[in-house]
Amino acid sequence: MRMKQHRRILKEVLETDEKEREQEIERMMPTLCSLVDDATYITGLEDGVGALIALYILCTSHNINTVDYYQDIKTRLMNLIDHLQDNMLRKFPPQGSTEA
């Protein structure tokens, strides 16, 4: 996905019939999830943020209920971010407090 990926998602959803837009998002979700879960960490972060942006816009500007999908992608992104931080902490463990 790269930057501006949210525009591709928006275009794909908004080109479908208005009554089928939620189904289109549901159809896209496995792909959006794998973009976060199966990519390198930089790509996963970028693509996940792009998906969140698109889902937010679809909800707030186009009145499509994307709340559950947004939460799913957000959770996956937070898991990725936590994993990255764990890697950093293994390399540089926090030092114990030296205050008395």
N, C-alpha and C. Protein backbone atom coordinates (compact mmCIF):
# COMPACT_ATOMS: atom_id res chain seq x y z
N MET A 1 0.84 -1.18 0.00
CA MET A 1 0.00 0.00 0.00
C MET A 1 0.88 1.23 0.00
N ARG A 2 1.49 1.89 0.28
CA ARG A 2 2.25 3.10 0.40
C ARG A 2 1.36 4.27 0.75
N MET A 3 2.01 5.40 0.90
CA MET A 3 1.25 6.60 1.19
C MET A 3 0.23 6.81 0.08
N LYS A 4 -0.83 7.43 0.39
CA LYS A 4 -1.96 7.66 -0.51
C LYS A 4 -2.75 6.38 -0.74
N GLN A 5 -2.39 5.31 -0.04
CA GLN A 5 -3.14 4.06 -0.16
C GLN A 5 -4.58 4.25 0.27
N HIS A 6 -4.78 5.15 1.21
CA HIS A 6 -6.16 5.39 1.66
C HIS A 6 -7.03 5.84 0.50
N ARG A 7 -6.44 6.56 -0.46
CA ARG A 7 -7.22 7.01 -1.62
C ARG A 7 -7.66 5.84 -2.48
N ARG A 8 -6.78 4.84 -2.62
CA ARG A 8 -7.13 3.66 -3.40
C ARG A 8 -8.29 2.92 -2.74
N ILE A 9 -8.22 2.79 -1.43
CA ILE A 9 -9.29 2.11 -0.69
C ILE A 9 -10.60 2.89 -0.84
N LEU A 10 -10.53 4.20 -0.64
CA LEU A 10 -11.73 5.03 -0.77
C LEU A 10 -12.34 4.89 -2.16
N LYS A 11 -11.50 4.97 -3.18
CA LYS A 11 -11.98 4.88 -4.56
C LYS A 11 -12.66 3.54 -4.80
N GLU A 12 -12.02 2.48 -4.35
CA GLU A 12 -12.58 1.14 -4.56
C GLU A 12 -13.94 0.99 -3.87
N VAL A 13 -14.05 1.49 -2.67
CA VAL A 13 -15.32 1.37 -1.93
C VAL A 13 -16.38 2.28 -2.53
N LEU A 14 -16.02 3.52 -2.81
CA LEU A 14 -17.02 4.49 -3.27
C LEU A 14 -17.48 4.24 -4.69
N GLU A 15 -16.72 3.45 -5.46
CA GLU A 15 -17.17 3.09 -6.81
C GLU A 15 -18.24 2.01 -6.80
N THR A 16 -18.42 1.34 -5.67
CA THR A 16 -19.46 0.32 -5.59
C THR A 16 -20.80 0.98 -5.29
N ASP A 17 -21.86 0.26 -5.57
CA ASP A 17 -23.20 0.74 -5.28
C ASP A 17 -23.31 1.08 -3.80
N GLU A 18 -24.00 2.14 -3.49
CA GLU A 18 -24.09 2.63 -2.11
C GLU A 18 -24.56 1.55 -1.14
N LYS A 19 -25.47 0.70 -1.56
CA LYS A 19 -26.00 -0.34 -0.69
C LYS A 19 -25.02 -1.49 -0.48
N GLU A 20 -23.98 -1.55 -1.28
CA GLU A 20 -23.02 -2.65 -1.21
C GLU A 20 -21.67 -2.23 -0.63
N ARG A 21 -21.58 -1.02 -0.15
CA ARG A 21 -20.28 -0.52 0.31
C ARG A 21 -19.77 -1.23 1.56
N GLU A 22 -20.64 -1.49 2.51
CA GLU A 22 -20.19 -2.22 3.70
C GLU A 22 -19.71 -3.62 3.33
N GLN A 23 -20.39 -4.27 2.39
CA GLN A 23 -19.96 -5.59 1.94
C GLN A 23 -18.61 -5.51 1.22
N GLU A 24 -18.39 -4.43 0.49
CA GLU A 24 -17.10 -4.25 -0.19
C GLU A 24 -15.98 -4.10 0.82
N ILE A 25 -16.22 -3.36 1.88
CA ILE A 25 -15.21 -3.21 2.93
C ILE A 25 -14.95 -4.56 3.58
N GLU A 26 -16.02 -5.29 3.87
CA GLU A 26 -15.86 -6.62 4.48
C GLU A 26 -15.04 -7.53 3.57
N ARG A 27 -15.28 -7.45 2.27
CA ARG A 27 -14.52 -8.25 1.31
C ARG A 27 -13.05 -7.86 1.31
N MET A 28 -12.75 -6.58 1.50
CA MET A 28 -11.37 -6.09 1.48
C MET A 28 -10.61 -6.40 2.77
N MET A 29 -11.30 -6.64 3.85
CA MET A 29 -10.64 -6.77 5.16
C MET A 29 -9.55 -7.83 5.23
N PRO A 30 -9.72 -9.02 4.69
CA PRO A 30 -8.60 -9.97 4.76
C PRO A 30 -7.32 -9.42 4.11
N THR A 31 -7.48 -8.72 3.01
CA THR A 31 -6.32 -8.12 2.35
C THR A 31 -5.72 -7.02 3.21
N LEU A 32 -6.57 -6.16 3.77
CA LEU A 32 -6.07 -5.07 4.61
C LEU A 32 -5.36 -5.62 5.84
N CYS A 33 -5.90 -6.67 6.42
CA CYS A 33 -5.27 -7.28 7.60
C CYS A 33 -3.92 -7.88 7.25
N SER A 34 -3.85 -8.56 6.11
CA SER A 34 -2.58 -9.18 5.74
C SER A 34 -1.53 -8.14 5.40
N LEU A 35 -1.94 -6.96 4.97
CA LEU A 35 -0.98 -5.90 4.70
C LEU A 35 -0.27 -5.46 5.98
N VAL A 36 -0.95 -5.57 7.10
CA VAL A 36 -0.33 -5.24 8.39
C VAL A 36 0.41 -6.46 8.94
N ASP A 37 -0.22 -7.61 8.88
CA ASP A 37 0.30 -8.81 9.54
C ASP A 37 1.47 -9.46 8.80
N ASP A 38 1.46 -9.42 7.49
CA ASP A 38 2.39 -10.22 6.71
C ASP A 38 3.49 -9.41 6.02
N ALA A 39 3.53 -8.13 6.25
CA ALA A 39 4.50 -7.27 5.58
C ALA A 39 5.69 -7.00 6.50
N THR A 40 6.72 -6.40 5.92
CA THR A 40 7.81 -5.93 6.76
C THR A 40 7.25 -4.85 7.68
N TYR A 41 7.94 -4.57 8.76
CA TYR A 41 7.36 -3.66 9.75
C TYR A 41 7.09 -2.27 9.21
N ILE A 42 7.96 -1.73 8.38
CA ILE A 42 7.73 -0.38 7.85
C ILE A 42 6.51 -0.40 6.93
N THR A 43 6.45 -1.37 6.06
CA THR A 43 5.31 -1.48 5.15
C THR A 43 4.03 -1.73 5.93
N GLY A 44 4.09 -2.59 6.93
CA GLY A 44 2.91 -2.87 7.75
C GLY A 44 2.39 -1.63 8.45
N LEU A 45 3.31 -0.83 8.98
CA LEU A 45 2.90 0.42 9.64
C LEU A 45 2.27 1.38 8.64
N GLU A 46 2.92 1.57 7.50
CA GLU A 46 2.40 2.50 6.49
C GLU A 46 1.03 2.05 5.98
N ASP A 47 0.93 0.77 5.65
CA ASP A 47 -0.32 0.26 5.10
C ASP A 47 -1.44 0.26 6.13
N GLY A 48 -1.10 -0.06 7.36
CA GLY A 48 -2.09 -0.04 8.42
C GLY A 48 -2.64 1.35 8.67
N VAL A 49 -1.76 2.33 8.69
CA VAL A 49 -2.20 3.72 8.88
C VAL A 49 -3.06 4.16 7.70
N GLY A 50 -2.67 3.78 6.48
CA GLY A 50 -3.49 4.10 5.32
C GLY A 50 -4.89 3.51 5.41
N ALA A 51 -4.96 2.27 5.88
CA ALA A 51 -6.27 1.62 6.05
C ALA A 51 -7.09 2.34 7.11
N LEU A 52 -6.45 2.73 8.23
CA LEU A 52 -7.18 3.46 9.27
C LEU A 52 -7.72 4.78 8.75
N ILE A 53 -6.92 5.49 7.99
CA ILE A 53 -7.36 6.77 7.42
C ILE A 53 -8.59 6.55 6.55
N ALA A 54 -8.53 5.56 5.67
CA ALA A 54 -9.65 5.29 4.77
C ALA A 54 -10.90 4.90 5.55
N LEU A 55 -10.75 4.02 6.53
CA LEU A 55 -11.91 3.59 7.31
C LEU A 55 -12.51 4.75 8.11
N TYR A 56 -11.67 5.63 8.60
CA TYR A 56 -12.15 6.82 9.32
C TYR A 56 -12.96 7.72 8.38
N ILE A 57 -12.42 7.98 7.21
CA ILE A 57 -13.11 8.85 6.25
C ILE A 57 -14.42 8.22 5.80
N LEU A 58 -14.41 6.92 5.53
CA LEU A 58 -15.64 6.26 5.11
C LEU A 58 -16.72 6.35 6.19
N CYS A 59 -16.31 6.29 7.44
CA CYS A 59 -17.27 6.38 8.55
C CYS A 59 -17.77 7.81 8.74
N THR A 60 -16.85 8.74 8.87
CA THR A 60 -17.25 10.10 9.25
C THR A 60 -17.75 10.94 8.09
N SER A 61 -17.29 10.69 6.88
CA SER A 61 -17.70 11.51 5.74
C SER A 61 -18.75 10.85 4.86
N HIS A 62 -18.81 9.52 4.90
CA HIS A 62 -19.71 8.80 3.99
C HIS A 62 -20.74 7.96 4.73
N ASN A 63 -20.78 8.10 6.04
CA ASN A 63 -21.80 7.42 6.87
C ASN A 63 -21.85 5.91 6.67
N ILE A 64 -20.67 5.30 6.58
CA ILE A 64 -20.57 3.84 6.49
C ILE A 64 -20.03 3.36 7.83
N ASN A 65 -20.68 2.37 8.40
CA ASN A 65 -20.24 1.87 9.70
C ASN A 65 -18.97 1.02 9.53
N THR A 66 -17.83 1.62 9.83
CA THR A 66 -16.55 0.92 9.73
C THR A 66 -15.91 0.73 11.10
N VAL A 67 -16.67 0.94 12.16
CA VAL A 67 -16.11 0.94 13.52
C VAL A 67 -15.40 -0.38 13.83
N ASP A 68 -16.04 -1.50 13.57
CA ASP A 68 -15.42 -2.80 13.89
C ASP A 68 -14.18 -3.05 13.04
N TYR A 69 -14.23 -2.67 11.77
CA TYR A 69 -13.08 -2.85 10.89
C TYR A 69 -11.91 -1.97 11.33
N TYR A 70 -12.24 -0.74 11.70
CA TYR A 70 -11.22 0.19 12.21
C TYR A 70 -10.55 -0.40 13.45
N GLN A 71 -11.36 -0.92 14.37
CA GLN A 71 -10.82 -1.49 15.60
C GLN A 71 -9.91 -2.68 15.30
N ASP A 72 -10.29 -3.50 14.33
CA ASP A 72 -9.49 -4.66 13.96
C ASP A 72 -8.11 -4.23 13.45
N ILE A 73 -8.08 -3.28 12.53
CA ILE A 73 -6.80 -2.80 11.99
C ILE A 73 -6.01 -2.10 13.09
N LYS A 74 -6.66 -1.31 13.90
CA LYS A 74 -5.98 -0.62 15.00
C LYS A 74 -5.31 -1.62 15.94
N THR A 75 -6.02 -2.69 16.29
CA THR A 75 -5.46 -3.72 17.17
C THR A 75 -4.24 -4.37 16.54
N ARG A 76 -4.32 -4.66 15.27
CA ARG A 76 -3.18 -5.26 14.57
C ARG A 76 -1.98 -4.31 14.55
N LEU A 77 -2.25 -3.04 14.32
CA LEU A 77 -1.16 -2.05 14.34
C LEU A 77 -0.54 -1.93 15.72
N MET A 78 -1.37 -1.91 16.74
CA MET A 78 -0.85 -1.81 18.11
C MET A 78 -0.01 -3.04 18.45
N ASN A 79 -0.42 -4.21 18.01
CA ASN A 79 0.37 -5.42 18.23
C ASN A 79 1.73 -5.31 17.53
N LEU A 80 1.73 -4.79 16.31
CA LEU A 80 2.98 -4.59 15.59
C LEU A 80 3.87 -3.59 16.31
N ILE A 81 3.30 -2.49 16.75
CA ILE A 81 4.07 -1.47 17.47
C ILE A 81 4.63 -2.05 18.77
N ASP A 82 3.84 -2.81 19.49
CA ASP A 82 4.32 -3.45 20.72
C ASP A 82 5.47 -4.42 20.43
N HIS A 83 5.35 -5.16 19.33
CA HIS A 83 6.41 -6.10 18.94
C HIS A 83 7.71 -5.34 18.64
N LEU A 84 7.59 -4.23 17.93
CA LEU A 84 8.78 -3.43 17.62
C LEU A 84 9.43 -2.90 18.90
N GLN A 85 8.61 -2.43 19.82
CA GLN A 85 9.15 -1.93 21.08
C GLN A 85 9.81 -3.05 21.88
N ASP A 86 9.22 -4.23 21.88
CA ASP A 86 9.83 -5.37 22.56
C ASP A 86 11.21 -5.67 21.99
N ASN A 87 11.33 -5.60 20.66
CA ASN A 87 12.64 -5.81 20.03
C ASN A 87 13.65 -4.77 20.50
N MET A 88 13.22 -3.54 20.60
CA MET A 88 14.11 -2.47 21.07
C MET A 88 14.53 -2.69 22.51
N LEU A 89 13.57 -3.09 23.35
CA LEU A 89 13.86 -3.29 24.77
C LEU A 89 14.77 -4.50 25.00
N ARG A 90 14.68 -5.50 24.12
CA ARG A 90 15.61 -6.63 24.24
C ARG A 90 17.03 -6.17 23.94
N LYS A 91 17.15 -5.28 23.00
CA LYS A 91 18.47 -4.77 22.63
C LYS A 91 19.00 -3.79 23.68
N PHE A 92 18.12 -2.97 24.20
CA PHE A 92 18.49 -1.96 25.19
C PHE A 92 17.52 -2.03 26.36
N PRO A 93 17.75 -2.98 27.28
CA PRO A 93 16.84 -3.11 28.43
C PRO A 93 16.86 -1.85 29.28
N PRO A 94 15.72 -1.51 29.87
CA PRO A 94 15.69 -0.33 30.73
C PRO A 94 16.60 -0.55 31.93
N GLN A 95 17.27 0.50 32.30
CA GLN A 95 18.16 0.43 33.46
C GLN A 95 17.32 0.65 34.71
N GLY A 96 17.67 -0.05 35.78
CA GLY A 96 16.95 0.11 37.04
C GLY A 96 17.12 1.51 37.59
N SER A 97 16.15 1.94 38.34
CA SER A 97 16.20 3.27 38.94
C SER A 97 17.31 3.30 39.98
N THR A 98 18.11 4.36 39.96
CA THR A 98 19.21 4.50 40.92
C THR A 98 18.85 5.46 42.03
N GLU A 99 17.60 5.96 42.03
CA GLU A 99 17.19 6.89 43.08
C GLU A 99 16.96 6.15 44.38
N ALA A 100 17.25 6.82 45.50
CA ALA A 100 17.09 6.19 46.81
C ALA A 100 15.69 6.36 47.33
